């Protein structure tokens, strides 16, 4: 009656989990482990192959663009958006309109 109904064997068992934790290399907090292998292709090449779009192609002149920097600092992003006169926050979505009134179209005559 007070017994667990789900039993885990093999990889999901408690013993297996404990063994994996013992064998796992210790990682210092705040440091990420080095990747085992380097990515073979860039994200742009993957998107081009899978989604059939080229994210680094200019939509206006179709020339190849390049990545200059990855900006993650919120203050820097705000400065750039202000200099380009782009609002910091998008406007709220418009409310949906009511469905067309079909009563008038049927009874106009």
N, C-alpha and C. Protein backbone atom coordinates (compact mmCIF):
# COMPACT_ATOMS: atom_id res chain seq x y z
N UNK A 1 0.80 -1.20 0.00
CA UNK A 1 0.00 0.00 0.00
C UNK A 1 0.85 1.28 0.00
N UNK A 2 1.94 1.34 0.76
CA UNK A 2 2.77 2.54 0.81
C UNK A 2 4.03 2.35 -0.01
N UNK A 3 3.91 1.66 -1.11
CA UNK A 3 5.05 1.35 -1.95
C UNK A 3 5.00 2.20 -3.21
N UNK A 4 6.16 2.58 -3.69
CA UNK A 4 6.24 3.39 -4.91
C UNK A 4 5.72 2.59 -6.09
N UNK A 5 4.90 3.23 -6.91
CA UNK A 5 4.32 2.53 -8.04
C UNK A 5 5.22 2.59 -9.27
N UNK A 6 6.12 3.56 -9.30
CA UNK A 6 7.02 3.68 -10.44
C UNK A 6 8.41 3.24 -10.02
N UNK A 7 8.96 2.31 -10.74
CA UNK A 7 10.30 1.83 -10.42
C UNK A 7 11.21 2.12 -11.60
N UNK A 8 12.36 2.65 -11.29
CA UNK A 8 13.31 3.03 -12.33
C UNK A 8 14.48 2.05 -12.33
N UNK A 9 14.85 1.61 -13.52
CA UNK A 9 15.96 0.69 -13.68
C UNK A 9 16.95 1.29 -14.66
N UNK A 10 18.18 0.83 -14.59
CA UNK A 10 19.18 1.25 -15.57
C UNK A 10 19.59 2.71 -15.40
N UNK A 11 19.54 3.45 -16.47
CA UNK A 11 20.03 4.83 -16.50
C UNK A 11 19.27 5.74 -15.54
N UNK A 12 17.99 5.50 -15.34
CA UNK A 12 17.16 6.38 -14.52
C UNK A 12 17.10 5.97 -13.04
N UNK A 13 17.76 4.90 -12.66
CA UNK A 13 17.69 4.46 -11.28
C UNK A 13 18.51 5.37 -10.37
N UNK A 14 18.20 5.35 -9.08
CA UNK A 14 18.92 6.20 -8.12
C UNK A 14 20.39 5.81 -8.05
N UNK A 15 20.68 4.55 -8.12
CA UNK A 15 22.07 4.11 -8.05
C UNK A 15 22.85 4.61 -9.25
N UNK A 16 22.25 4.51 -10.42
CA UNK A 16 22.91 4.98 -11.63
C UNK A 16 23.15 6.48 -11.57
N UNK A 17 22.19 7.22 -11.04
CA UNK A 17 22.35 8.67 -10.92
C UNK A 17 23.50 9.00 -9.98
N UNK A 18 23.60 8.27 -8.87
CA UNK A 18 24.69 8.50 -7.92
C UNK A 18 26.04 8.19 -8.53
N UNK A 19 26.12 7.14 -9.33
CA UNK A 19 27.38 6.80 -9.99
C UNK A 19 27.78 7.88 -11.00
N UNK A 20 26.81 8.41 -11.72
CA UNK A 20 27.11 9.47 -12.69
C UNK A 20 27.63 10.72 -11.99
N UNK A 21 27.05 11.05 -10.83
CA UNK A 21 27.50 12.23 -10.09
C UNK A 21 28.92 12.05 -9.59
N UNK A 22 29.30 10.84 -9.20
CA UNK A 22 30.66 10.59 -8.73
C UNK A 22 31.66 10.72 -9.87
N UNK A 23 31.28 10.28 -11.06
CA UNK A 23 32.19 10.29 -12.20
C UNK A 23 32.25 11.64 -12.91
N UNK A 24 31.27 12.50 -12.68
CA UNK A 24 31.23 13.79 -13.37
C UNK A 24 32.35 14.69 -12.86
N UNK A 25 33.02 15.42 -13.76
CA UNK A 25 34.09 16.32 -13.31
C UNK A 25 33.50 17.49 -12.52
N UNK A 26 34.22 17.90 -11.48
CA UNK A 26 33.76 19.01 -10.66
C UNK A 26 33.94 20.32 -11.42
N UNK A 27 32.91 21.15 -11.40
CA UNK A 27 32.95 22.44 -12.09
C UNK A 27 32.86 23.53 -11.04
N UNK A 28 33.79 24.48 -11.13
CA UNK A 28 33.76 25.59 -10.17
C UNK A 28 32.55 26.47 -10.47
N UNK A 29 31.91 27.00 -9.41
CA UNK A 29 30.77 27.87 -9.66
C UNK A 29 31.20 29.13 -10.40
N UNK A 30 30.40 29.52 -11.39
CA UNK A 30 30.72 30.71 -12.17
C UNK A 30 31.53 30.42 -13.41
N UNK A 31 32.11 29.23 -13.53
CA UNK A 31 32.89 28.88 -14.71
C UNK A 31 32.15 27.83 -15.52
N UNK A 32 32.12 28.02 -16.81
CA UNK A 32 31.50 27.04 -17.70
C UNK A 32 32.57 26.09 -18.21
N UNK A 33 32.26 24.82 -18.34
CA UNK A 33 33.25 23.89 -18.88
C UNK A 33 33.51 24.19 -20.35
N UNK A 34 34.72 23.90 -20.79
CA UNK A 34 35.08 24.10 -22.19
C UNK A 34 34.30 23.11 -23.06
N UNK A 35 33.83 23.54 -24.22
CA UNK A 35 33.14 22.60 -25.09
C UNK A 35 34.10 21.53 -25.59
N UNK A 36 33.59 20.30 -25.71
CA UNK A 36 34.44 19.20 -26.14
C UNK A 36 34.88 19.35 -27.58
N UNK A 37 33.97 19.76 -28.43
CA UNK A 37 34.32 19.96 -29.83
C UNK A 37 33.84 21.33 -30.27
N UNK A 38 34.54 21.89 -31.19
CA UNK A 38 34.15 23.19 -31.72
C UNK A 38 33.05 22.96 -32.75
N UNK A 39 32.13 23.90 -32.82
CA UNK A 39 31.04 23.78 -33.79
C UNK A 39 31.62 23.76 -35.20
N UNK A 40 31.12 22.86 -36.02
CA UNK A 40 31.68 22.71 -37.35
C UNK A 40 31.21 23.78 -38.31
N UNK A 41 30.04 24.34 -38.08
CA UNK A 41 29.57 25.39 -38.97
C UNK A 41 28.92 26.49 -38.15
N UNK A 42 28.87 27.65 -38.71
CA UNK A 42 28.32 28.79 -37.98
C UNK A 42 26.80 28.74 -37.96
N UNK A 43 26.21 29.55 -37.11
CA UNK A 43 24.76 29.60 -37.01
C UNK A 43 24.15 30.09 -38.31
N UNK A 44 24.81 31.01 -38.99
CA UNK A 44 24.27 31.53 -40.25
C UNK A 44 24.23 30.43 -41.31
N UNK A 45 25.27 29.61 -41.35
CA UNK A 45 25.29 28.51 -42.32
C UNK A 45 24.21 27.48 -42.00
N UNK A 46 23.98 27.23 -40.72
CA UNK A 46 22.92 26.30 -40.32
C UNK A 46 21.54 26.83 -40.72
N UNK A 47 21.31 28.12 -40.49
CA UNK A 47 20.02 28.70 -40.87
C UNK A 47 19.84 28.68 -42.39
N UNK A 48 20.92 28.91 -43.11
CA UNK A 48 20.84 28.90 -44.57
C UNK A 48 20.50 27.50 -45.07
N UNK A 49 21.10 26.49 -44.44
CA UNK A 49 20.87 25.12 -44.88
C UNK A 49 19.49 24.61 -44.46
N UNK A 50 19.07 24.91 -43.24
CA UNK A 50 17.83 24.34 -42.71
C UNK A 50 16.61 25.15 -43.14
N UNK A 51 16.66 26.47 -42.94
CA UNK A 51 15.50 27.31 -43.21
C UNK A 51 15.50 27.92 -44.60
N UNK A 52 16.57 27.69 -45.34
CA UNK A 52 16.73 28.20 -46.70
C UNK A 52 16.65 29.72 -46.75
N UNK A 53 17.21 30.38 -45.72
CA UNK A 53 17.34 31.83 -45.72
C UNK A 53 18.77 32.17 -45.34
N UNK A 54 19.24 33.30 -45.81
CA UNK A 54 20.58 33.74 -45.45
C UNK A 54 20.44 34.95 -44.53
N UNK A 55 20.67 34.79 -43.23
CA UNK A 55 20.48 35.91 -42.31
C UNK A 55 21.51 37.02 -42.49
N UNK A 56 22.61 36.73 -43.17
CA UNK A 56 23.64 37.74 -43.38
C UNK A 56 23.56 38.38 -44.76
N UNK A 57 22.44 38.22 -45.43
CA UNK A 57 22.26 38.86 -46.73
C UNK A 57 21.44 40.14 -46.54
N UNK A 58 21.93 41.25 -47.10
CA UNK A 58 21.24 42.53 -46.97
C UNK A 58 19.92 42.46 -47.72
N UNK A 59 18.79 42.81 -47.07
CA UNK A 59 17.50 42.74 -47.75
C UNK A 59 17.34 43.77 -48.86
N UNK A 60 18.13 44.85 -48.83
CA UNK A 60 18.00 45.89 -49.85
C UNK A 60 18.85 45.61 -51.08
N UNK A 61 20.16 45.41 -50.85
CA UNK A 61 21.07 45.28 -52.00
C UNK A 61 21.55 43.86 -52.25
N UNK A 62 21.17 42.92 -51.41
CA UNK A 62 21.51 41.49 -51.53
C UNK A 62 23.01 41.21 -51.40
N UNK A 63 23.77 42.15 -50.82
CA UNK A 63 25.19 41.89 -50.61
C UNK A 63 25.38 41.19 -49.26
N UNK A 64 26.55 40.64 -49.05
CA UNK A 64 26.85 39.89 -47.84
C UNK A 64 27.18 40.85 -46.70
N UNK A 65 26.51 40.69 -45.55
CA UNK A 65 26.81 41.49 -44.37
C UNK A 65 27.73 40.69 -43.47
N UNK A 66 28.35 41.37 -42.50
CA UNK A 66 29.18 40.66 -41.53
C UNK A 66 28.83 41.15 -40.13
N UNK A 67 29.08 40.32 -39.15
CA UNK A 67 28.79 40.66 -37.76
C UNK A 67 29.93 41.51 -37.23
N UNK A 68 29.59 42.67 -36.69
CA UNK A 68 30.60 43.57 -36.15
C UNK A 68 30.77 43.32 -34.65
N UNK A 69 29.66 43.17 -33.92
CA UNK A 69 29.74 42.95 -32.48
C UNK A 69 28.44 42.35 -31.97
N UNK A 70 28.55 41.66 -30.84
CA UNK A 70 27.38 41.18 -30.11
C UNK A 70 27.23 42.08 -28.89
N UNK A 71 26.20 42.89 -28.88
CA UNK A 71 25.99 43.85 -27.80
C UNK A 71 24.95 43.28 -26.85
N UNK A 72 25.35 43.08 -25.60
CA UNK A 72 24.45 42.49 -24.61
C UNK A 72 24.17 43.43 -23.45
N UNK A 73 24.91 44.52 -23.33
CA UNK A 73 24.71 45.46 -22.23
C UNK A 73 23.44 46.27 -22.48
N UNK A 74 22.46 46.22 -21.56
CA UNK A 74 21.20 46.95 -21.78
C UNK A 74 21.38 48.45 -21.95
N UNK A 75 22.34 49.04 -21.25
CA UNK A 75 22.57 50.48 -21.37
C UNK A 75 23.07 50.84 -22.77
N UNK A 76 23.97 50.03 -23.30
CA UNK A 76 24.48 50.28 -24.65
C UNK A 76 23.37 50.11 -25.69
N UNK A 77 22.53 49.12 -25.50
CA UNK A 77 21.42 48.90 -26.43
C UNK A 77 20.47 50.09 -26.41
N UNK A 78 20.20 50.62 -25.21
CA UNK A 78 19.32 51.79 -25.08
C UNK A 78 19.92 52.99 -25.79
N UNK A 79 21.23 53.21 -25.63
CA UNK A 79 21.91 54.33 -26.30
C UNK A 79 21.80 54.21 -27.82
N UNK A 80 22.03 53.02 -28.33
CA UNK A 80 21.97 52.80 -29.78
C UNK A 80 20.56 53.03 -30.29
N UNK A 81 19.57 52.52 -29.57
CA UNK A 81 18.18 52.69 -30.01
C UNK A 81 17.76 54.15 -29.99
N UNK A 82 18.22 54.90 -28.98
CA UNK A 82 17.90 56.33 -28.94
C UNK A 82 18.55 57.08 -30.09
N UNK A 83 19.80 56.74 -30.41
CA UNK A 83 20.48 57.43 -31.50
C UNK A 83 19.83 57.13 -32.85
N UNK A 84 19.25 55.95 -32.99
CA UNK A 84 18.56 55.58 -34.23
C UNK A 84 17.09 55.99 -34.21
N UNK A 85 16.65 56.62 -33.12
CA UNK A 85 15.25 57.06 -32.94
C UNK A 85 14.27 55.89 -33.03
N UNK A 86 14.66 54.79 -32.40
CA UNK A 86 13.80 53.61 -32.31
C UNK A 86 13.24 53.59 -30.89
N UNK A 87 11.93 53.44 -30.70
CA UNK A 87 11.39 53.43 -29.34
C UNK A 87 11.93 52.25 -28.55
N UNK A 88 12.14 52.49 -27.26
CA UNK A 88 12.69 51.43 -26.41
C UNK A 88 11.72 50.27 -26.24
N UNK A 89 10.44 50.61 -26.16
CA UNK A 89 9.42 49.58 -25.98
C UNK A 89 8.45 49.65 -27.14
N UNK A 90 7.98 48.50 -27.57
CA UNK A 90 7.02 48.50 -28.67
C UNK A 90 5.66 48.97 -28.15
N UNK A 91 4.87 49.60 -29.01
CA UNK A 91 3.55 50.06 -28.55
C UNK A 91 2.66 48.87 -28.24
N UNK A 92 1.68 49.07 -27.37
CA UNK A 92 0.79 47.94 -27.05
C UNK A 92 0.00 47.52 -28.28
N UNK A 93 -0.33 46.25 -28.38
CA UNK A 93 -1.07 45.79 -29.56
C UNK A 93 -2.46 46.43 -29.62
N UNK A 94 -2.93 46.63 -30.83
CA UNK A 94 -4.26 47.21 -31.01
C UNK A 94 -5.32 46.19 -30.62
N UNK A 95 -6.43 46.68 -30.12
CA UNK A 95 -7.52 45.79 -29.75
C UNK A 95 -8.17 45.22 -31.00
N UNK A 96 -8.63 44.00 -30.95
CA UNK A 96 -9.28 43.44 -32.13
C UNK A 96 -10.59 44.16 -32.41
N UNK A 97 -10.90 44.29 -33.68
CA UNK A 97 -12.13 44.99 -34.05
C UNK A 97 -13.31 44.02 -33.96
N UNK A 98 -14.48 44.58 -33.92
CA UNK A 98 -15.69 43.76 -33.84
C UNK A 98 -15.94 43.11 -35.20
N UNK A 99 -16.61 41.99 -35.23
CA UNK A 99 -16.91 41.37 -36.51
C UNK A 99 -17.87 42.25 -37.31
N UNK A 100 -17.84 42.13 -38.62
CA UNK A 100 -18.74 42.96 -39.43
C UNK A 100 -20.20 42.65 -39.12
N UNK A 101 -21.00 43.68 -39.21
CA UNK A 101 -22.42 43.52 -38.92
C UNK A 101 -23.11 43.00 -40.18
N UNK A 102 -23.51 41.77 -40.18
CA UNK A 102 -24.12 41.16 -41.37
C UNK A 102 -25.62 41.41 -41.43
N UNK A 103 -26.21 41.88 -40.36
CA UNK A 103 -27.66 42.11 -40.34
C UNK A 103 -28.06 43.16 -41.38
N UNK A 104 -27.27 44.24 -41.50
CA UNK A 104 -27.61 45.31 -42.43
C UNK A 104 -27.53 44.86 -43.88
N UNK A 105 -26.59 44.00 -44.21
CA UNK A 105 -26.44 43.58 -45.61
C UNK A 105 -27.60 42.71 -46.07
N UNK A 106 -28.21 41.94 -45.16
CA UNK A 106 -29.32 41.07 -45.54
C UNK A 106 -30.64 41.82 -45.64
N UNK A 107 -30.82 42.83 -44.83
CA UNK A 107 -32.13 43.48 -44.75
C UNK A 107 -32.11 44.93 -45.23
N UNK A 108 -31.30 45.26 -46.21
CA UNK A 108 -31.28 46.62 -46.73
C UNK A 108 -32.46 46.87 -47.67
N UNK A 109 -32.95 45.89 -48.32
CA UNK A 109 -34.06 46.07 -49.29
C UNK A 109 -35.38 46.17 -48.62
